[in-house]
Structures are given as structure tokens and as C-alpha cells.
């Protein structure tokens, strides 16, 4: 193991240790905010696998987020299924939906694919309102936050925080192994040069559809966790702006970066709140200024800026 890998592993372990200590140091509200950061990070990693690593632009991942959230809500509210089983079911359902959507989308690239996924984001909230018997229509579905099992002395917010953190670590490890292996190299090769990838024997159609499915599965799991954390789902919570926010998050965090999803989740969760505190009259103007400053100062995202700073420091020491 090289010195750089050792430092990265130490940083990751330190970050996990700090994350495990936060539930005993913060209020339930702040804990809920960091739970949302982890949920957004899962969704952003899913979108980054598709857009950053595979080169397929999506403006419709809010639809898969909604599908995952409603899967969990309906299974708990209508069928009284234990919440732990609903999370993998939401992921599998979104995996199937994403794979099936990815097949006809193979004919589309660039802006045309973006418009197709944008249409998906527009349609899903309206469809959710139509099936009122299952989805509760515009009123949505109200849930109860699950308590800690086995007599653990944890509040519901603390327990959901640890559940979300565990799912986050698991999915990040799976994503890292996927992208660093043969499948990941094929995914990146399709992005860089699809003709060369096909010449090397990569089945572009299959890998593109599978990538879309895996990306949707990550986003669906995030939606399921969001339904548990917020304890409420409604169609208006999954509008087009949510999909655009996901795209903003992966650009801010860093395209084609696994750790960038964490920074993107922090940006998505906290920057709008800061903009609201700075100016209640024009919060979106402040939010836009934040975006301009970030893009000007860090055009490759936060992770790209950190890598550049690390490279400069190494050259300085050398």
C-alpha cells in the first residue's frame, strides 16, 4: 500500500469515526439534516455513476427518487411490511425501471437524452396524483418514524441516522468496487470513446442500460430512506427542481468522483438554508451567487480542487 493510499484510508476511517460520534453531540434537528446529507450523497453517487462515469446526462432522477420513496411508503402504509424490507425492494424496483427506461434511451445521446429524462421528471409527479388509492393523491402518505430495535436507547432520529450511515457506507463500497473493476473500466471506456470500446468487445448497449439501472437503484434506495426520515411523501416534493438539484450536486462535488457525492450532499442540504438566512426576500438570487462562486473558484468541483491542491503541495515538498 502506497503512502497516498494510507493517507486516504486514514482520512476515511477518521471521517467514519466522526460520523458515528455525531448522534451523541448534535440535536435531533441537526441530526436530521446530516441524515438528509447522507441520503442525498447516495442519490448523487447514483447519478454520478451514470453521468460522470458513463457520460449519460439525466434530468429525471427525481422520478426514481420518488419511485423509491413511494415504494417504501405504500409497503409500510398499505401492507404493514417492516421498513427494513422496503429499502432493498425499492432499490430492485428502481433497478428494473431504470434498466427498462435505458433500453429505448439507447438511441438518444446528449441533450436529446437529457430532454427524455426531463420529460420523465415532469410526468411522474402527475402520475402519482392520479393513482390516489395507492399514493394518497395530492395529500400524500403520512408515516411514523421507526424506533430503535432490541431496546437500544436511541431516539428515532438517531436510529435512522445510523441506518442511513450504514447503507451509505455499504453502497459506497459497492460502487467503488464496481467502478474500479472490469465493469467500471468498460463504463468509463464507453464515455471516453464508444467506438474504441466497441472495438475492444464492450457491449455498449448492455452496459449503458445496466448503468442506467444501477444509477436508478441507488437513487431509489435514497428515496426510500428519505421517506423514512421525513415520514411523509407527496407528489409535489418530487418536482423537476429536485432532478436539477441532483445534477447541481454532482457538478459541485466533482464529476466522476465517488467522494464528491458527500460534498455535493452537503452543498444541496446546507447552501439553500444559508441563502434563506442571508436574504429571505431573494434566497434564490443568493443561491445563484453561491453557484457562480463555486463554479468560478472550483470548475472541476470540490474534489477536483482538493486534488489540485494536493498535487501542488506534493510538488512544493518535492
C-alpha atoms as a PDB file:
ATOM      1  CA  UNK A   1       0.000   0.000   0.000  1.00  0.00           C
ATOM      2  CA  UNK A   2       1.456   3.353  -1.040  1.00  0.00           C
ATOM      3  CA  UNK A   3       1.761   6.352   1.251  1.00  0.00           C
ATOM      4  CA  UNK A   4      -1.063   8.164  -0.566  1.00  0.00           C
ATOM      5  CA  UNK A   5      -3.415   5.194  -0.190  1.00  0.00           C
ATOM      6  CA  UNK A   6      -2.553   5.021   3.500  1.00  0.00           C
ATOM      7  CA  UNK A   7      -3.438   8.674   3.986  1.00  0.00           C
ATOM      8  CA  UNK A   8      -6.738   8.244   2.118  1.00  0.00           C
ATOM      9  CA  UNK A   9      -7.658   5.211   4.208  1.00  0.00           C
ATOM     10  CA  UNK A  10      -6.831   7.086   7.413  1.00  0.00           C
ATOM     11  CA  UNK A  11      -8.982  10.038   6.337  1.00  0.00           C
ATOM     12  CA  UNK A  12     -11.906   7.729   5.526  1.00  0.00           C
ATOM     13  CA  UNK A  13     -11.674   5.941   8.885  1.00  0.00           C
ATOM     14  CA  UNK A  14     -11.447   9.267  10.730  1.00  0.00           C
ATOM     15  CA  UNK A  15     -14.496  10.558   8.851  1.00  0.00           C
ATOM     16  CA  UNK A  16     -16.484   7.417   9.761  1.00  0.00           C
ATOM     17  CA  UNK A  17     -15.463   7.758  13.410  1.00  0.00           C
ATOM     18  CA  UNK A  18     -16.586  11.401  13.487  1.00  0.00           C
ATOM     19  CA  UNK A  19     -19.868  10.467  11.760  1.00  0.00           C
ATOM     20  CA  UNK A  20     -20.539   7.780  14.386  1.00  0.00           C
ATOM     21  CA  UNK A  21     -19.978  10.313  17.188  1.00  0.00           C
ATOM     22  CA  UNK A  22     -22.307  12.995  15.789  1.00  0.00           C
ATOM     23  CA  UNK A  23     -25.617  11.460  17.054  1.00  0.00           C
ATOM     24  CA  UNK A  24     -24.439  11.923  20.638  1.00  0.00           C
ATOM     25  CA  UNK A  25     -23.284  15.511  20.103  1.00  0.00           C
ATOM     26  CA  UNK A  26     -25.978  17.147  17.988  1.00  0.00           C
ATOM     27  CA  UNK A  27     -29.654  17.955  18.431  1.00  0.00           C
ATOM     28  CA  UNK A  28     -32.300  15.876  16.647  1.00  0.00           C
ATOM     29  CA  UNK A  29     -32.835  18.636  14.076  1.00  0.00           C
ATOM     30  CA  UNK A  30     -29.138  18.836  13.154  1.00  0.00           C
ATOM     31  CA  UNK A  31     -29.034  15.057  13.101  1.00  0.00           C
ATOM     32  CA  UNK A  32     -31.951  15.028  10.672  1.00  0.00           C
ATOM     33  CA  UNK A  33     -30.050  17.440   8.432  1.00  0.00           C
ATOM     34  CA  UNK A  34     -26.988  15.199   8.331  1.00  0.00           C
ATOM     35  CA  UNK A  35     -29.232  12.206   7.653  1.00  0.00           C
ATOM     36  CA  UNK A  36     -30.501  14.109   4.629  1.00  0.00           C
ATOM     37  CA  UNK A  37     -26.886  14.784   3.590  1.00  0.00           C
ATOM     38  CA  UNK A  38     -26.214  11.021   3.561  1.00  0.00           C
ATOM     39  CA  UNK A  39     -29.427  10.383   1.620  1.00  0.00           C
ATOM     40  CA  UNK A  40     -28.518  12.987  -0.990  1.00  0.00           C
ATOM     41  CA  UNK A  41     -24.992  11.544  -1.180  1.00  0.00           C
ATOM     42  CA  UNK A  42     -26.415   8.114  -2.106  1.00  0.00           C
ATOM     43  CA  UNK A  43     -28.604   9.652  -4.819  1.00  0.00           C
ATOM     44  CA  UNK A  44     -25.723  11.782  -6.118  1.00  0.00           C
ATOM     45  CA  UNK A  45     -23.392   8.791  -6.328  1.00  0.00           C
ATOM     46  CA  UNK A  46     -26.036   7.000  -8.379  1.00  0.00           C
ATOM     47  CA  UNK A  47     -26.355   9.935 -10.762  1.00  0.00           C
ATOM     48  CA  UNK A  48     -22.575  10.333 -10.929  1.00  0.00           C
ATOM     49  CA  UNK A  49     -22.184   6.697 -11.991  1.00  0.00           C
ATOM     50  CA  UNK A  50     -24.472   7.478 -14.916  1.00  0.00           C
ATOM     51  CA  UNK A  51     -23.362  10.993 -15.843  1.00  0.00           C
ATOM     52  CA  UNK A  52     -19.829  11.352 -14.511  1.00  0.00           C
ATOM     53  CA  UNK A  53     -18.501   7.869 -15.246  1.00  0.00           C
ATOM     54  CA  UNK A  54     -20.673   6.767 -18.187  1.00  0.00           C
ATOM     55  CA  UNK A  55     -21.410  10.116 -19.848  1.00  0.00           C
ATOM     56  CA  UNK A  56     -25.228   9.828 -19.984  1.00  0.00           C
ATOM     57  CA  UNK A  57     -26.937  13.076 -18.944  1.00  0.00           C
ATOM     58  CA  UNK A  58     -30.084  12.698 -16.850  1.00  0.00           C
ATOM     59  CA  UNK A  59     -32.503  15.388 -15.725  1.00  0.00           C
ATOM     60  CA  UNK A  60     -35.051  12.892 -14.453  1.00  0.00           C
ATOM     61  CA  UNK A  61     -33.539  11.126 -11.455  1.00  0.00           C
ATOM     62  CA  UNK A  62     -36.064  12.808  -9.206  1.00  0.00           C
ATOM     63  CA  UNK A  63     -38.557  10.350 -10.729  1.00  0.00           C
ATOM     64  CA  UNK A  64     -36.590   7.334  -9.448  1.00  0.00           C
ATOM     65  CA  UNK A  65     -36.183   9.071  -6.094  1.00  0.00           C
ATOM     66  CA  UNK A  66     -39.972   9.406  -5.962  1.00  0.00           C
ATOM     67  CA  UNK A  67     -40.478   5.786  -7.030  1.00  0.00           C
ATOM     68  CA  UNK A  68     -38.235   4.569  -4.212  1.00  0.00           C
ATOM     69  CA  UNK A  69     -39.943   6.801  -1.654  1.00  0.00           C
ATOM     70  CA  UNK A  70     -43.451   5.745  -2.663  1.00  0.00           C
ATOM     71  CA  UNK A  71     -42.473   2.073  -2.738  1.00  0.00           C
ATOM     72  CA  UNK A  72     -41.438   2.282   0.908  1.00  0.00           C
ATOM     73  CA  UNK A  73     -44.449   4.405   1.887  1.00  0.00           C
ATOM     74  CA  UNK A  74     -47.012   2.139   0.186  1.00  0.00           C
ATOM     75  CA  UNK A  75     -45.476  -1.076   1.525  1.00  0.00           C
ATOM     76  CA  UNK A  76     -45.487   0.280   5.080  1.00  0.00           C
ATOM     77  CA  UNK A  77     -48.857   2.070   4.962  1.00  0.00           C
ATOM     78  CA  UNK A  78     -50.910  -0.411   2.909  1.00  0.00           C
ATOM     79  CA  UNK A  79     -49.311  -3.764   3.667  1.00  0.00           C
ATOM     80  CA  UNK A  80     -47.589  -3.151   7.043  1.00  0.00           C
ATOM     81  CA  UNK A  81     -44.297  -4.504   5.715  1.00  0.00           C
ATOM     82  CA  UNK A  82     -41.329  -3.952   8.090  1.00  0.00           C
ATOM     83  CA  UNK A  83     -39.407  -0.898   6.912  1.00  0.00           C
ATOM     84  CA  UNK A  84     -36.127  -2.798   6.610  1.00  0.00           C
ATOM     85  CA  UNK A  85     -37.504  -4.929   3.775  1.00  0.00           C
ATOM     86  CA  UNK A  86     -38.828  -1.971   1.841  1.00  0.00           C
ATOM     87  CA  UNK A  87     -35.380  -0.461   1.175  1.00  0.00           C
ATOM     88  CA  UNK A  88     -33.969  -3.330  -0.958  1.00  0.00           C
ATOM     89  CA  UNK A  89     -37.350  -3.733  -2.673  1.00  0.00           C
ATOM     90  CA  UNK A  90     -37.282  -0.038  -3.629  1.00  0.00           C
ATOM     91  CA  UNK A  91     -33.755  -0.484  -4.991  1.00  0.00           C
ATOM     92  CA  UNK A  92     -34.690  -3.564  -7.051  1.00  0.00           C
ATOM     93  CA  UNK A  93     -37.816  -1.904  -8.423  1.00  0.00           C
ATOM     94  CA  UNK A  94     -35.863   1.189  -9.485  1.00  0.00           C
ATOM     95  CA  UNK A  95     -33.113  -1.033 -10.928  1.00  0.00           C
ATOM     96  CA  UNK A  96     -35.698  -2.696 -13.161  1.00  0.00           C
ATOM     97  CA  UNK A  97     -37.376   0.599 -14.073  1.00  0.00           C
ATOM     98  CA  UNK A  98     -34.047   2.256 -14.863  1.00  0.00           C
ATOM     99  CA  UNK A  99     -32.867  -0.678 -16.974  1.00  0.00           C
ATOM    100  CA  UNK A 100     -36.122  -0.735 -18.963  1.00  0.00           C
ATOM    101  CA  UNK A 101     -36.021   3.041 -19.446  1.00  0.00           C
ATOM    102  CA  UNK A 102     -32.397   2.815 -20.523  1.00  0.00           C
ATOM    103  CA  UNK A 103     -33.160   0.417 -23.387  1.00  0.00           C
ATOM    104  CA  UNK A 104     -35.204   2.842 -25.554  1.00  0.00           C
ATOM    105  CA  UNK A 105     -32.938   5.682 -24.421  1.00  0.00           C
ATOM    106  CA  UNK A 106     -30.001   3.972 -26.153  1.00  0.00           C
ATOM    107  CA  UNK A 107     -30.961   5.766 -29.348  1.00  0.00           C
ATOM    108  CA  UNK A 108     -30.589   9.124 -27.618  1.00  0.00           C
ATOM    109  CA  UNK A 109     -27.447  10.961 -26.593  1.00  0.00           C
ATOM    110  CA  UNK A 110     -26.506  14.306 -25.106  1.00  0.00           C
ATOM    111  CA  UNK A 111     -29.250  16.887 -24.992  1.00  0.00           C
ATOM    112  CA  UNK A 112     -31.820  14.518 -26.512  1.00  0.00           C
ATOM    113  CA  UNK A 113     -31.345  12.054 -23.651  1.00  0.00           C
ATOM    114  CA  UNK A 114     -31.495  14.954 -21.179  1.00  0.00           C
ATOM    115  CA  UNK A 115     -34.849  16.051 -22.635  1.00  0.00           C
ATOM    116  CA  UNK A 116     -36.223  12.490 -22.484  1.00  0.00           C
ATOM    117  CA  UNK A 117     -35.314  12.160 -18.812  1.00  0.00           C
ATOM    118  CA  UNK A 118     -36.632  15.676 -18.189  1.00  0.00           C
ATOM    119  CA  UNK A 119     -39.988  14.523 -19.552  1.00  0.00           C
ATOM    120  CA  UNK A 120     -39.872  11.616 -17.095  1.00  0.00           C
ATOM    121  CA  UNK A 121     -39.353  14.033 -14.214  1.00  0.00           C
ATOM    122  CA  UNK A 122     -42.336  16.087 -15.400  1.00  0.00           C
ATOM    123  CA  UNK A 123     -44.651  13.102 -15.784  1.00  0.00           C
ATOM    124  CA  UNK A 124     -44.053  11.119 -12.585  1.00  0.00           C
ATOM    125  CA  UNK A 125     -45.483  13.653 -10.060  1.00  0.00           C
ATOM    126  CA  UNK A 126     -48.674  13.896 -12.131  1.00  0.00           C
ATOM    127  CA  UNK A 127     -48.935  10.110 -12.376  1.00  0.00           C
ATOM    128  CA  UNK A 128     -48.576   9.832  -8.615  1.00  0.00           C
ATOM    129  CA  UNK A 129     -51.553  12.159  -8.169  1.00  0.00           C
ATOM    130  CA  UNK A 130     -53.663  10.022 -10.499  1.00  0.00           C
ATOM    131  CA  UNK A 131     -53.413   6.735  -8.548  1.00  0.00           C
ATOM    132  CA  UNK A 132     -54.992   8.220  -5.457  1.00  0.00           C
ATOM    133  CA  UNK A 133     -55.975   4.877  -3.912  1.00  0.00           C
ATOM    134  CA  UNK A 134     -52.332   3.842  -3.646  1.00  0.00           C
ATOM    135  CA  UNK A 135     -50.456   7.127  -3.358  1.00  0.00           C
ATOM    136  CA  UNK A 136     -52.925   9.272  -1.420  1.00  0.00           C
ATOM    137  CA  UNK A 137     -53.175  11.717  -4.324  1.00  0.00           C
ATOM    138  CA  UNK A 138     -52.056  15.274  -3.647  1.00  0.00           C
ATOM    139  CA  UNK A 139     -52.323  14.698   0.112  1.00  0.00           C
ATOM    140  CA  UNK A 140     -49.594  12.067   0.058  1.00  0.00           C
ATOM    141  CA  UNK A 141     -48.918   9.427   2.728  1.00  0.00           C
ATOM    142  CA  UNK A 142     -48.011  10.097   6.345  1.00  0.00           C
ATOM    143  CA  UNK A 143     -45.709   7.614   8.078  1.00  0.00           C
ATOM    144  CA  UNK A 144     -44.249   7.161  11.547  1.00  0.00           C
ATOM    145  CA  UNK A 145     -40.512   7.161  12.130  1.00  0.00           C
ATOM    146  CA  UNK A 146     -39.336   3.697  13.187  1.00  0.00           C
ATOM    147  CA  UNK A 147     -37.850   3.333  16.636  1.00  0.00           C
ATOM    148  CA  UNK A 148     -34.605   1.608  17.542  1.00  0.00           C
ATOM    149  CA  UNK A 149     -34.871  -2.211  17.915  1.00  0.00           C
ATOM    150  CA  UNK A 150     -33.561  -4.526  20.628  1.00  0.00           C
ATOM    151  CA  UNK A 151     -34.213  -1.983  23.360  1.00  0.00           C
ATOM    152  CA  UNK A 152     -31.473   0.387  22.181  1.00  0.00           C
ATOM    153  CA  UNK A 153     -31.658   3.759  23.931  1.00  0.00           C
ATOM    154  CA  UNK A 154     -31.677   5.757  20.715  1.00  0.00           C
ATOM    155  CA  UNK A 155     -34.251   8.261  19.510  1.00  0.00           C
ATOM    156  CA  UNK A 156     -35.890   7.636  16.112  1.00  0.00           C
ATOM    157  CA  UNK A 157     -33.708  10.350  14.555  1.00  0.00           C
ATOM    158  CA  UNK A 158     -30.546   8.772  15.971  1.00  0.00           C
ATOM    159  CA  UNK A 159     -31.561   5.313  14.796  1.00  0.00           C
ATOM    160  CA  UNK A 160     -32.407   6.484  11.264  1.00  0.00           C
ATOM    161  CA  UNK A 161     -29.103   8.340  11.164  1.00  0.00           C
ATOM    162  CA  UNK A 162     -27.182   5.131  11.878  1.00  0.00           C
ATOM    163  CA  UNK A 163     -29.311   3.152   9.386  1.00  0.00           C
ATOM    164  CA  UNK A 164     -28.648   5.734   6.685  1.00  0.00           C
ATOM    165  CA  UNK A 165     -24.933   5.858   7.520  1.00  0.00           C
ATOM    166  CA  UNK A 166     -24.703   2.062   7.273  1.00  0.00           C
ATOM    167  CA  UNK A 167     -26.478   1.997   3.903  1.00  0.00           C
ATOM    168  CA  UNK A 168     -24.272   4.862   2.688  1.00  0.00           C
ATOM    169  CA  UNK A 169     -21.046   3.031   3.589  1.00  0.00           C
ATOM    170  CA  UNK A 170     -22.286  -0.215   2.019  1.00  0.00           C
ATOM    171  CA  UNK A 171     -23.330   1.417  -1.248  1.00  0.00           C
ATOM    172  CA  UNK A 172     -20.148   3.489  -1.460  1.00  0.00           C
ATOM    173  CA  UNK A 173     -18.005   0.349  -1.019  1.00  0.00           C
ATOM    174  CA  UNK A 174     -20.059  -1.495  -3.656  1.00  0.00           C
ATOM    175  CA  UNK A 175     -19.841   1.482  -6.006  1.00  0.00           C
ATOM    176  CA  UNK A 176     -16.069   1.787  -5.553  1.00  0.00           C
ATOM    177  CA  UNK A 177     -15.546  -1.923  -6.241  1.00  0.00           C
ATOM    178  CA  UNK A 178     -17.811  -1.752  -9.283  1.00  0.00           C
ATOM    179  CA  UNK A 179     -16.065   1.255 -10.811  1.00  0.00           C
ATOM    180  CA  UNK A 180     -12.538   0.024 -10.126  1.00  0.00           C
ATOM    181  CA  UNK A 181     -13.143  -3.372 -11.679  1.00  0.00           C
ATOM    182  CA  UNK A 182     -13.582  -4.588 -15.237  1.00  0.00           C
ATOM    183  CA  UNK A 183     -17.174  -3.357 -15.395  1.00  0.00           C
ATOM    184  CA  UNK A 184     -16.129   0.112 -14.284  1.00  0.00           C
ATOM    185  CA  UNK A 185     -13.413   0.286 -16.923  1.00  0.00           C
ATOM    186  CA  UNK A 186     -15.971  -0.653 -19.566  1.00  0.00           C
ATOM    187  CA  UNK A 187     -18.370   2.033 -18.291  1.00  0.00           C
ATOM    188  CA  UNK A 188     -15.670   4.711 -18.472  1.00  0.00           C
ATOM    189  CA  UNK A 189     -14.465   3.484 -21.884  1.00  0.00           C
ATOM    190  CA  UNK A 190     -17.953   3.994 -23.314  1.00  0.00           C
ATOM    191  CA  UNK A 191     -17.883   7.568 -22.044  1.00  0.00           C
ATOM    192  CA  UNK A 192     -14.412   8.342 -23.398  1.00  0.00           C
ATOM    193  CA  UNK A 193     -14.608   6.649 -26.790  1.00  0.00           C
ATOM    194  CA  UNK A 194     -17.616   4.438 -27.576  1.00  0.00           C
ATOM    195  CA  UNK A 195     -16.230   3.317 -30.941  1.00  0.00           C
ATOM    196  CA  UNK A 196     -12.938   2.175 -29.413  1.00  0.00           C
ATOM    197  CA  UNK A 197     -14.827   0.477 -26.565  1.00  0.00           C
ATOM    198  CA  UNK A 198     -16.961  -1.443 -29.051  1.00  0.00           C
ATOM    199  CA  UNK A 199     -13.840  -2.451 -30.976  1.00  0.00           C
ATOM    200  CA  UNK A 200     -12.424  -3.916 -27.751  1.00  0.00           C
ATOM    201  CA  UNK A 201     -15.525  -6.087 -27.329  1.00  0.00           C
ATOM    202  CA  UNK A 202     -17.552  -3.929 -24.941  1.00  0.00           C
ATOM    203  CA  UNK A 203     -21.305  -4.362 -25.428  1.00  0.00           C
ATOM    204  CA  UNK A 204     -22.223  -0.686 -25.334  1.00  0.00           C
ATOM    205  CA  UNK A 205     -25.996  -1.186 -25.341  1.00  0.00           C
ATOM    206  CA  UNK A 206     -25.925  -3.662 -22.460  1.00  0.00           C
ATOM    207  CA  UNK A 207     -23.519  -1.634 -20.328  1.00  0.00           C
ATOM    208  CA  UNK A 208     -25.428   1.600 -20.894  1.00  0.00           C
ATOM    209  CA  UNK A 209     -28.725   0.000 -19.863  1.00  0.00           C
ATOM    210  CA  UNK A 210     -27.143  -1.673 -16.824  1.00  0.00           C
ATOM    211  CA  UNK A 211     -25.508   1.601 -15.796  1.00  0.00           C
ATOM    212  CA  UNK A 212     -28.863   3.357 -16.021  1.00  0.00           C
ATOM    213  CA  UNK A 213     -30.410   0.614 -13.901  1.00  0.00           C
ATOM    214  CA  UNK A 214     -27.694   0.713 -11.214  1.00  0.00           C
ATOM    215  CA  UNK A 215     -27.886   4.505 -11.111  1.00  0.00           C
ATOM    216  CA  UNK A 216     -31.666   4.374 -10.676  1.00  0.00           C
ATOM    217  CA  UNK A 217     -31.301   1.718  -7.949  1.00  0.00           C
ATOM    218  CA  UNK A 218     -29.014   3.970  -5.910  1.00  0.00           C
ATOM    219  CA  UNK A 219     -31.450   6.850  -6.291  1.00  0.00           C
ATOM    220  CA  UNK A 220     -34.394   4.619  -5.369  1.00  0.00           C
ATOM    221  CA  UNK A 221     -32.688   3.491  -2.163  1.00  0.00           C
ATOM    222  CA  UNK A 222     -32.065   7.154  -1.326  1.00  0.00           C
ATOM    223  CA  UNK A 223     -35.751   7.897  -1.912  1.00  0.00           C
ATOM    224  CA  UNK A 224     -36.769   5.022   0.372  1.00  0.00           C
ATOM    225  CA  UNK A 225     -34.529   6.323   3.150  1.00  0.00           C
ATOM    226  CA  UNK A 226     -35.922   9.825   2.614  1.00  0.00           C
ATOM    227  CA  UNK A 227     -39.478   8.546   3.110  1.00  0.00           C
ATOM    228  CA  UNK A 228     -38.434   7.024   6.443  1.00  0.00           C
ATOM    229  CA  UNK A 229     -36.502  10.088   7.600  1.00  0.00           C
ATOM    230  CA  UNK A 230     -39.154  12.660   6.683  1.00  0.00           C
ATOM    231  CA  UNK A 231     -42.070  10.289   7.469  1.00  0.00           C
ATOM    232  CA  UNK A 232     -44.104  11.828   4.657  1.00  0.00           C
ATOM    233  CA  UNK A 233     -44.311  11.588   0.875  1.00  0.00           C
ATOM    234  CA  UNK A 234     -46.293  13.778  -1.528  1.00  0.00           C
ATOM    235  CA  UNK A 235     -46.051  14.301  -5.324  1.00  0.00           C
ATOM    236  CA  UNK A 236     -45.091  17.973  -5.046  1.00  0.00           C
ATOM    237  CA  UNK A 237     -41.939  17.024  -3.123  1.00  0.00           C
ATOM    238  CA  UNK A 238     -40.534  15.322  -6.254  1.00  0.00           C
ATOM    239  CA  UNK A 239     -40.798  18.087  -8.828  1.00  0.00           C
ATOM    240  CA  UNK A 240     -38.392  18.852 -11.663  1.00  0.00           C
ATOM    241  CA  UNK A 241     -36.288  21.080  -9.434  1.00  0.00           C
ATOM    242  CA  UNK A 242     -35.245  18.015  -7.415  1.00  0.00           C
ATOM    243  CA  UNK A 243     -33.710  16.426 -10.516  1.00  0.00           C
ATOM    244  CA  UNK A 244     -31.896  19.655 -11.373  1.00  0.00           C
ATOM    245  CA  UNK A 245     -30.654  19.847  -7.781  1.00  0.00           C
ATOM    246  CA  UNK A 246     -29.131  16.375  -8.127  1.00  0.00           C
ATOM    247  CA  UNK A 247     -27.307  17.472 -11.274  1.00  0.00           C
ATOM    248  CA  UNK A 248     -26.026  20.577  -9.482  1.00  0.00           C
ATOM    249  CA  UNK A 249     -24.829  18.388  -6.613  1.00  0.00           C
ATOM    250  CA  UNK A 250     -22.640  16.115  -8.747  1.00  0.00           C
ATOM    251  CA  UNK A 251     -21.112  19.083 -10.593  1.00  0.00           C
ATOM    252  CA  UNK A 252     -20.326  20.891  -7.332  1.00  0.00           C
ATOM    253  CA  UNK A 253     -18.968  17.760  -5.677  1.00  0.00           C
ATOM    254  CA  UNK A 254     -16.948  16.658  -8.690  1.00  0.00           C
ATOM    255  CA  UNK A 255     -17.872  14.633 -11.768  1.00  0.00           C
ATOM    256  CA  UNK A 256     -16.547  11.065 -11.969  1.00  0.00           C
ATOM    257  CA  UNK A 257     -15.718  11.130  -8.267  1.00  0.00           C
ATOM    258  CA  UNK A 258     -17.035   8.817  -5.560  1.00  0.00           C
ATOM    259  CA  UNK A 259     -16.177  11.056  -2.614  1.00  0.00           C
ATOM    260  CA  UNK A 260     -17.611  14.058  -4.462  1.00  0.00           C
ATOM    261  CA  UNK A 261     -21.102  12.779  -3.633  1.00  0.00           C
ATOM    262  CA  UNK A 262     -20.521  13.634   0.050  1.00  0.00           C
ATOM    263  CA  UNK A 263     -19.511  17.215  -0.743  1.00  0.00           C
ATOM    264  CA  UNK A 264     -22.411  17.520  -3.159  1.00  0.00           C
ATOM    265  CA  UNK A 265     -24.815  16.295  -0.477  1.00  0.00           C
ATOM    266  CA  UNK A 266     -23.500  18.907   1.953  1.00  0.00           C
ATOM    267  CA  UNK A 267     -23.983  21.624  -0.670  1.00  0.00           C
ATOM    268  CA  UNK A 268     -27.511  20.517  -1.582  1.00  0.00           C
ATOM    269  CA  UNK A 269     -28.596  20.338   2.063  1.00  0.00           C
ATOM    270  CA  UNK A 270     -26.996  23.405   3.616  1.00  0.00           C
ATOM    271  CA  UNK A 271     -26.403  26.062   0.937  1.00  0.00           C
ATOM    272  CA  UNK A 272     -30.133  26.728   0.253  1.00  0.00           C
ATOM    273  CA  UNK A 273     -30.650  27.140   4.014  1.00  0.00           C
ATOM    274  CA  UNK A 274     -27.771  29.587   4.230  1.00  0.00           C
ATOM    275  CA  UNK A 275     -29.179  31.505   1.273  1.00  0.00           C
ATOM    276  CA  UNK A 276     -32.534  31.696   3.064  1.00  0.00           C
ATOM    277  CA  UNK A 277     -30.870  33.028   6.224  1.00  0.00           C
ATOM    278  CA  UNK A 278     -28.864  35.637   4.292  1.00  0.00           C
ATOM    279  CA  UNK A 279     -31.834  37.009   2.366  1.00  0.00           C
ATOM    280  CA  UNK A 280     -35.411  35.933   2.925  1.00  0.00           C
ATOM    281  CA  UNK A 281     -36.552  38.296   0.165  1.00  0.00           C
ATOM    282  CA  UNK A 282     -34.400  36.799  -2.600  1.00  0.00           C
ATOM    283  CA  UNK A 283     -32.930  33.462  -1.418  1.00  0.00           C
ATOM    284  CA  UNK A 284     -32.563  32.034  -4.919  1.00  0.00           C
ATOM    285  CA  UNK A 285     -30.511  35.023  -6.003  1.00  0.00           C
ATOM    286  CA  UNK A 286     -28.092  34.273  -3.156  1.00  0.00           C
ATOM    287  CA  UNK A 287     -28.143  30.584  -4.120  1.00  0.00           C
ATOM    288  CA  UNK A 288     -27.248  31.541  -7.682  1.00  0.00           C
ATOM    289  CA  UNK A 289     -24.346  33.646  -6.425  1.00  0.00           C
ATOM    290  CA  UNK A 290     -23.089  30.648  -4.436  1.00  0.00           C
ATOM    291  CA  UNK A 291     -23.217  28.520  -7.603  1.00  0.00           C
ATOM    292  CA  UNK A 292     -21.332  31.116  -9.656  1.00  0.00           C
ATOM    293  CA  UNK A 293     -18.634  31.448  -6.996  1.00  0.00           C
ATOM    294  CA  UNK A 294     -18.215  27.682  -6.695  1.00  0.00           C
ATOM    295  CA  UNK A 295     -18.008  27.190 -10.458  1.00  0.00           C
ATOM    296  CA  UNK A 296     -15.542  30.043 -10.865  1.00  0.00           C
ATOM    297  CA  UNK A 297     -13.315  29.009  -7.967  1.00  0.00           C
ATOM    298  CA  UNK A 298     -13.607  25.229  -8.474  1.00  0.00           C
ATOM    299  CA  UNK A 299     -14.508  24.424 -12.097  1.00  0.00           C
ATOM    300  CA  UNK A 300     -13.755  20.714 -11.517  1.00  0.00           C
ATOM    301  CA  UNK A 301     -15.809  20.546  -8.350  1.00  0.00           C
ATOM    302  CA  UNK A 302     -14.726  20.384  -4.743  1.00  0.00           C
ATOM    303  CA  UNK A 303     -12.895  17.069  -5.147  1.00  0.00           C
ATOM    304  CA  UNK A 304     -11.084  18.374  -8.214  1.00  0.00           C
ATOM    305  CA  UNK A 305      -9.958  21.439  -6.268  1.00  0.00           C
ATOM    306  CA  UNK A 306      -8.725  19.253  -3.388  1.00  0.00           C
ATOM    307  CA  UNK A 307      -6.790  17.029  -5.790  1.00  0.00           C
ATOM    308  CA  UNK A 308      -5.210  20.065  -7.434  1.00  0.00           C
ATOM    309  CA  UNK A 309      -4.236  21.479  -4.049  1.00  0.00           C
ATOM    310  CA  UNK A 310      -2.743  18.108  -3.050  1.00  0.00           C
ATOM    311  CA  UNK A 311      -0.723  17.899  -6.271  1.00  0.00           C
ATOM    312  CA  UNK A 312       0.633  21.418  -5.763  1.00  0.00           C
ATOM    313  CA  UNK A 313       1.555  20.614  -2.171  1.00  0.00           C
ATOM    314  CA  UNK A 314       3.372  17.468  -3.289  1.00  0.00           C
ATOM    315  CA  UNK A 315       5.337  19.426  -5.898  1.00  0.00           C
ATOM    316  CA  UNK A 316       6.185  22.058  -3.302  1.00  0.00           C
ATOM    317  CA  UNK A 317       7.510  19.429  -0.919  1.00  0.00           C
ATOM    318  CA  UNK A 318       9.412  17.746  -3.739  1.00  0.00           C
END
